[in-house]
Amino acid sequence: MIYDHGLRCWNGPERSARVELECGAENQVLKVSEPSKCEYVIKMKSPAVCTNPKHGKIREKEEL
């Protein structure tokens, strides 16, 4: 996911963020970095992007 056209940094570009998602049993932020001024990369895990039905079963057990 890409979020752009954010507030302008002081003396810099508009803020932007790229969110990289991978499959995981729960929502979890793994890492946040700023490779360039006011440009952020956020790495996350989420069951919402899983294509393997096993992850859905893990999630159901956690909700019980």
C-alpha atoms as a PDB file:
ATOM      1  CA  MET A   1       0.000   0.000   0.000  1.00  0.00           C
ATOM      2  CA  ILE A   2       1.236   3.483  -0.768  1.00  0.00           C
ATOM      3  CA  TYR A   3       0.198   6.633   1.039  1.00  0.00           C
ATOM      4  CA  ASP A   4       1.408   9.848  -0.557  1.00  0.00           C
ATOM      5  CA  HIS A   5       0.716  13.582  -0.705  1.00  0.00           C
ATOM      6  CA  GLY A   6       1.031  13.919   3.083  1.00  0.00           C
ATOM      7  CA  LEU A   7       2.020  17.064   4.937  1.00  0.00           C
ATOM      8  CA  ARG A   8       5.125  18.739   3.592  1.00  0.00           C
ATOM      9  CA  CYS A   9       8.236  18.275   5.697  1.00  0.00           C
ATOM     10  CA  TRP A  10      10.046  21.408   6.785  1.00  0.00           C
ATOM     11  CA  ASN A  11      12.430  22.183   3.929  1.00  0.00           C
ATOM     12  CA  GLY A  12      11.584  18.906   2.225  1.00  0.00           C
ATOM     13  CA  PRO A  13       9.135  16.834   0.203  1.00  0.00           C
ATOM     14  CA  GLU A  14       5.591  15.814   1.067  1.00  0.00           C
ATOM     15  CA  ARG A  15       5.498  12.874   3.467  1.00  0.00           C
ATOM     16  CA  SER A  16       4.798   9.425   2.045  1.00  0.00           C
ATOM     17  CA  ALA A  17       4.707   5.871   3.328  1.00  0.00           C
ATOM     18  CA  ARG A  18       4.902   2.449   1.723  1.00  0.00           C
ATOM     19  CA  VAL A  19       3.371  -0.407   3.728  1.00  0.00           C
ATOM     20  CA  GLU A  20       4.675  -3.885   2.917  1.00  0.00           C
ATOM     21  CA  LEU A  21       2.411  -6.692   4.147  1.00  0.00           C
ATOM     22  CA  GLU A  22       3.142 -10.365   4.665  1.00  0.00           C
ATOM     23  CA  CYS A  23       1.009 -13.200   5.955  1.00  0.00           C
ATOM     24  CA  GLY A  24       0.873 -13.671   9.726  1.00  0.00           C
ATOM     25  CA  ALA A  25      -1.474 -15.002  12.385  1.00  0.00           C
ATOM     26  CA  GLU A  26      -2.056 -11.513  13.863  1.00  0.00           C
ATOM     27  CA  ASN A  27      -1.584  -7.849  12.953  1.00  0.00           C
ATOM     28  CA  GLN A  28       1.963  -6.900  13.867  1.00  0.00           C
ATOM     29  CA  VAL A  29       4.328  -4.057  12.947  1.00  0.00           C
ATOM     30  CA  LEU A  30       7.745  -5.577  12.249  1.00  0.00           C
ATOM     31  CA  LYS A  31       9.840  -2.579  11.243  1.00  0.00           C
ATOM     32  CA  VAL A  32       9.577   1.116  10.399  1.00  0.00           C
ATOM     33  CA  SER A  33      12.348   2.875   8.503  1.00  0.00           C
ATOM     34  CA  GLU A  34      12.994   6.203   6.780  1.00  0.00           C
ATOM     35  CA  PRO A  35      15.203   5.454   3.745  1.00  0.00           C
ATOM     36  CA  SER A  36      14.862   9.050   2.466  1.00  0.00           C
ATOM     37  CA  LYS A  37      13.822  12.291   4.116  1.00  0.00           C
ATOM     38  CA  CYS A  38      10.091  12.079   5.001  1.00  0.00           C
ATOM     39  CA  GLU A  39       9.639   8.808   3.091  1.00  0.00           C
ATOM     40  CA  TYR A  40       8.750   5.888   5.364  1.00  0.00           C
ATOM     41  CA  VAL A  41       8.645   2.116   4.857  1.00  0.00           C
ATOM     42  CA  ILE A  42       6.503   0.080   7.254  1.00  0.00           C
ATOM     43  CA  LYS A  43       6.781  -3.727   7.274  1.00  0.00           C
ATOM     44  CA  MET A  44       3.817  -5.570   8.807  1.00  0.00           C
ATOM     45  CA  LYS A  45       2.246  -9.007   9.206  1.00  0.00           C
ATOM     46  CA  SER A  46      -1.519  -9.504   8.908  1.00  0.00           C
ATOM     47  CA  PRO A  47      -3.942 -12.417   8.459  1.00  0.00           C
ATOM     48  CA  ALA A  48      -5.806 -10.212   5.955  1.00  0.00           C
ATOM     49  CA  VAL A  49      -3.218 -10.989   3.268  1.00  0.00           C
ATOM     50  CA  CYS A  50      -2.967 -14.738   3.885  1.00  0.00           C
ATOM     51  CA  THR A  51      -3.980 -17.082   1.100  1.00  0.00           C
ATOM     52  CA  ASN A  52      -3.297 -20.224   3.161  1.00  0.00           C
ATOM     53  CA  PRO A  53      -6.452 -21.437   5.000  1.00  0.00           C
ATOM     54  CA  LYS A  54      -4.285 -22.658   7.911  1.00  0.00           C
ATOM     55  CA  HIS A  55      -3.754 -19.063   9.057  1.00  0.00           C
ATOM     56  CA  GLY A  56      -7.498 -18.489   9.260  1.00  0.00           C
ATOM     57  CA  LYS A  57      -7.800 -21.537  11.537  1.00  0.00           C
ATOM     58  CA  ILE A  58      -5.075 -20.195  13.824  1.00  0.00           C
ATOM     59  CA  ARG A  59      -6.940 -16.900  14.046  1.00  0.00           C
ATOM     60  CA  GLU A  60     -10.238 -18.646  14.912  1.00  0.00           C
ATOM     61  CA  LYS A  61      -8.567 -20.548  17.768  1.00  0.00           C
ATOM     62  CA  GLU A  62      -7.118 -17.314  19.160  1.00  0.00           C
ATOM     63  CA  GLU A  63     -10.564 -15.669  19.138  1.00  0.00           C
ATOM     64  CA  LEU A  64     -12.082 -18.510  21.193  1.00  0.00           C
END
